[in-house]
N, C-alpha and C. Protein backbone atom coordinates (compact mmCIF):
# COMPACT_ATOMS: atom_id res chain seq x y z
N UNK A 1 0.82 -1.23 0.01
CA UNK A 1 0.05 -0.01 -0.11
C UNK A 1 0.91 1.27 0.05
N UNK A 2 0.55 2.18 -0.93
CA UNK A 2 1.41 3.41 -0.94
C UNK A 2 0.95 4.44 0.10
N UNK A 3 1.85 4.99 0.74
CA UNK A 3 1.67 5.90 1.70
C UNK A 3 1.15 7.36 1.07
N UNK A 4 0.05 7.79 1.56
CA UNK A 4 -0.38 9.06 0.95
C UNK A 4 0.49 10.18 1.02
N UNK A 5 1.29 10.19 1.98
CA UNK A 5 2.33 11.30 2.08
C UNK A 5 3.59 11.23 1.42
N UNK A 6 3.70 10.10 0.70
CA UNK A 6 4.91 9.75 0.01
C UNK A 6 5.08 10.83 -1.28
N UNK A 7 6.25 11.31 -1.46
CA UNK A 7 6.56 12.26 -2.58
C UNK A 7 7.25 11.62 -3.72
N UNK A 8 7.11 10.36 -3.74
CA UNK A 8 7.89 9.48 -4.88
C UNK A 8 7.33 9.90 -6.26
N UNK A 9 6.12 10.36 -6.42
CA UNK A 9 5.59 10.56 -7.75
C UNK A 9 5.40 12.09 -7.96
N UNK A 10 5.89 12.89 -7.11
CA UNK A 10 5.81 14.40 -7.07
C UNK A 10 6.75 14.88 -8.22
N UNK A 11 6.20 15.55 -9.04
CA UNK A 11 6.98 16.46 -9.99
C UNK A 11 6.84 17.94 -9.69
N UNK A 12 7.99 18.66 -9.48
CA UNK A 12 7.89 20.01 -8.97
C UNK A 12 7.39 20.88 -10.36
N UNK A 13 6.59 21.83 -9.96
CA UNK A 13 6.07 22.83 -11.14
C UNK A 13 6.51 24.13 -10.65
N UNK A 14 6.85 24.81 -11.68
CA UNK A 14 7.18 26.32 -11.68
C UNK A 14 6.37 27.13 -12.67
N UNK A 15 6.42 28.39 -12.62
CA UNK A 15 5.50 29.29 -13.43
C UNK A 15 6.40 30.14 -14.23
N UNK A 16 6.24 30.13 -15.58
CA UNK A 16 7.03 31.05 -16.41
C UNK A 16 6.56 32.52 -16.09
N UNK A 17 7.64 33.40 -15.91
CA UNK A 17 7.41 34.77 -15.49
C UNK A 17 6.83 35.66 -16.60
N UNK A 18 6.82 35.01 -17.88
CA UNK A 18 6.29 35.72 -19.04
C UNK A 18 4.86 35.43 -19.33
N UNK A 19 4.50 34.18 -19.56
CA UNK A 19 3.28 33.74 -19.91
C UNK A 19 2.41 33.21 -18.82
N UNK A 20 3.03 33.06 -17.58
CA UNK A 20 2.39 32.56 -16.43
C UNK A 20 1.80 31.11 -16.44
N UNK A 21 2.33 30.37 -17.45
CA UNK A 21 1.86 29.02 -17.59
C UNK A 21 2.79 28.16 -16.47
N UNK A 22 2.03 27.21 -15.79
CA UNK A 22 2.62 26.35 -14.95
C UNK A 22 3.09 25.15 -15.74
N UNK A 23 4.37 24.73 -15.57
CA UNK A 23 4.91 23.50 -16.10
C UNK A 23 5.84 22.70 -15.23
N UNK A 24 6.28 21.58 -15.64
CA UNK A 24 7.27 20.88 -14.82
C UNK A 24 8.51 21.78 -14.78
N UNK A 25 9.26 21.64 -13.63
CA UNK A 25 10.41 22.46 -13.52
C UNK A 25 11.52 22.06 -14.51
N UNK A 26 11.62 21.05 -14.87
CA UNK A 26 12.54 20.54 -15.98
C UNK A 26 12.28 21.12 -17.38
N UNK A 27 10.99 21.44 -17.74
CA UNK A 27 10.70 22.09 -19.00
C UNK A 27 10.99 23.49 -19.06
N UNK A 28 11.48 24.12 -17.99
CA UNK A 28 11.71 25.51 -18.06
C UNK A 28 13.08 25.91 -18.00
N UNK A 29 13.46 27.17 -18.37
CA UNK A 29 14.87 27.58 -18.37
C UNK A 29 14.92 28.40 -16.91
N UNK A 30 15.93 28.29 -16.23
CA UNK A 30 16.05 29.03 -15.01
C UNK A 30 17.11 30.15 -15.08
N UNK A 31 16.84 31.24 -14.56
CA UNK A 31 17.83 32.28 -14.39
C UNK A 31 17.99 32.70 -12.88
N UNK A 32 19.07 33.20 -12.59
CA UNK A 32 19.21 33.62 -11.13
C UNK A 32 19.80 35.12 -11.08
N UNK A 33 19.62 35.88 -10.09
CA UNK A 33 20.22 37.07 -9.92
C UNK A 33 21.42 37.05 -8.94
N UNK A 34 22.62 37.29 -9.45
CA UNK A 34 23.84 37.23 -8.69
C UNK A 34 24.54 38.51 -8.76
N UNK A 35 24.84 39.17 -7.80
CA UNK A 35 25.62 40.44 -7.69
C UNK A 35 24.94 41.37 -8.74
N UNK A 36 23.58 41.48 -8.68
CA UNK A 36 22.79 42.48 -9.43
C UNK A 36 22.95 42.15 -11.00
N UNK A 37 23.27 40.93 -11.42
CA UNK A 37 23.38 40.45 -12.71
C UNK A 37 22.55 39.32 -12.92
N UNK A 38 21.89 39.19 -14.11
CA UNK A 38 21.10 37.99 -14.53
C UNK A 38 22.03 36.90 -15.01
N UNK A 39 22.02 35.58 -14.52
CA UNK A 39 22.76 34.56 -14.89
C UNK A 39 21.94 33.45 -15.26
N UNK A 40 22.31 32.72 -16.29
CA UNK A 40 21.59 31.56 -16.80
C UNK A 40 22.23 30.40 -15.93
N UNK A 41 21.11 29.62 -15.29
CA UNK A 41 21.54 28.61 -14.35
C UNK A 41 21.29 27.22 -15.08
N UNK A 42 22.21 26.77 -15.89
CA UNK A 42 22.08 25.50 -16.64
C UNK A 42 21.68 24.33 -15.79
N UNK A 43 22.36 24.11 -14.74
CA UNK A 43 22.06 22.89 -13.88
C UNK A 43 20.94 23.18 -12.92
N UNK A 44 20.37 24.33 -12.87
CA UNK A 44 19.34 24.72 -11.81
C UNK A 44 19.57 24.38 -10.46
N UNK A 45 20.90 24.68 -10.04
CA UNK A 45 21.36 24.48 -8.66
C UNK A 45 21.95 25.67 -8.01
N UNK A 46 22.06 26.83 -8.58
CA UNK A 46 22.76 27.97 -8.07
C UNK A 46 21.86 28.42 -6.83
N UNK A 47 22.44 28.60 -5.65
CA UNK A 47 21.67 29.09 -4.49
C UNK A 47 21.48 30.63 -4.50
N UNK A 48 20.49 30.99 -5.15
CA UNK A 48 20.15 32.33 -5.27
C UNK A 48 18.67 32.57 -5.73
N UNK A 49 18.13 33.78 -5.61
CA UNK A 49 16.72 33.94 -6.07
C UNK A 49 16.64 33.74 -7.50
N UNK A 50 15.92 32.81 -7.99
CA UNK A 50 15.72 32.59 -9.37
C UNK A 50 14.28 32.85 -10.03
N UNK A 51 14.30 32.70 -11.38
CA UNK A 51 13.06 32.75 -12.03
C UNK A 51 12.95 31.91 -13.12
N UNK A 52 11.98 31.47 -13.72
CA UNK A 52 11.76 30.50 -14.74
C UNK A 52 11.11 31.14 -15.96
N UNK A 53 11.55 30.72 -17.26
CA UNK A 53 11.01 31.18 -18.48
C UNK A 53 10.87 29.91 -19.37
N UNK A 54 9.74 29.85 -19.98
CA UNK A 54 9.38 28.82 -21.02
C UNK A 54 10.53 28.66 -22.05
N UNK A 55 10.67 27.53 -22.53
CA UNK A 55 11.60 27.19 -23.61
C UNK A 55 10.89 27.46 -25.00
N UNK A 56 10.19 28.62 -24.96
CA UNK A 56 9.34 29.02 -26.06
C UNK A 56 9.98 30.24 -26.62
N UNK A 57 10.08 30.46 -28.02
CA UNK A 57 10.78 31.64 -28.53
C UNK A 57 10.04 33.03 -28.19
N UNK A 58 8.70 32.88 -28.09
CA UNK A 58 7.94 34.29 -27.66
C UNK A 58 8.28 34.75 -26.28
N UNK A 59 8.32 33.73 -25.46
CA UNK A 59 8.68 34.03 -23.95
C UNK A 59 10.12 34.54 -23.92
N UNK A 60 11.10 33.87 -24.49
CA UNK A 60 12.44 34.18 -24.44
C UNK A 60 12.75 35.61 -25.09
N UNK A 61 11.97 35.85 -26.13
CA UNK A 61 12.17 37.22 -26.66
C UNK A 61 11.60 38.32 -25.80
N UNK A 62 10.49 38.03 -25.09
CA UNK A 62 10.06 39.04 -24.13
C UNK A 62 10.76 39.13 -22.77
N UNK A 63 11.74 38.22 -22.59
CA UNK A 63 12.46 38.25 -21.39
C UNK A 63 13.20 39.47 -21.19
N UNK A 64 13.84 40.13 -22.21
CA UNK A 64 14.65 41.43 -22.05
C UNK A 64 13.68 42.52 -21.46
N UNK A 65 12.64 42.63 -22.00
CA UNK A 65 11.64 43.70 -21.59
C UNK A 65 11.21 43.40 -19.98
N UNK A 66 10.97 42.14 -19.77
CA UNK A 66 10.50 41.73 -18.34
C UNK A 66 11.70 42.13 -17.38
N UNK A 67 12.92 41.81 -17.74
CA UNK A 67 14.11 42.11 -16.88
C UNK A 67 14.19 43.59 -16.63
N UNK A 68 14.06 44.44 -17.79
CA UNK A 68 14.21 45.81 -17.58
C UNK A 68 12.99 46.55 -16.68
N UNK A 69 11.87 45.91 -16.79
CA UNK A 69 10.83 46.37 -15.95
C UNK A 69 10.94 45.92 -14.48
N UNK A 70 11.66 44.76 -14.27
CA UNK A 70 11.60 44.33 -12.79
C UNK A 70 12.99 44.50 -12.18
N UNK A 71 14.07 45.02 -12.96
CA UNK A 71 15.37 45.15 -12.34
C UNK A 71 15.35 46.22 -11.32
N UNK A 72 16.03 46.00 -10.21
CA UNK A 72 16.07 46.88 -9.16
C UNK A 72 17.15 47.88 -9.34
N UNK A 73 16.98 49.08 -8.97
CA UNK A 73 17.90 50.18 -9.20
C UNK A 73 18.81 50.22 -8.04
């Protein structure tokens, strides 16, 4: 009998900051903010505040505008 509290079948979901679609974490591209710079997190393991974007051309194209809008001065 499977334990209801088991996380064995759990797939983490994240939301694209551009289109707001929820998807599995592995289907998205992760970026982090390090020293006030945006860095691509290829392995998705950098310990810093991160955000996710779809691997979709439209979302990637809109990313620059989103960064400029949300960048802290």
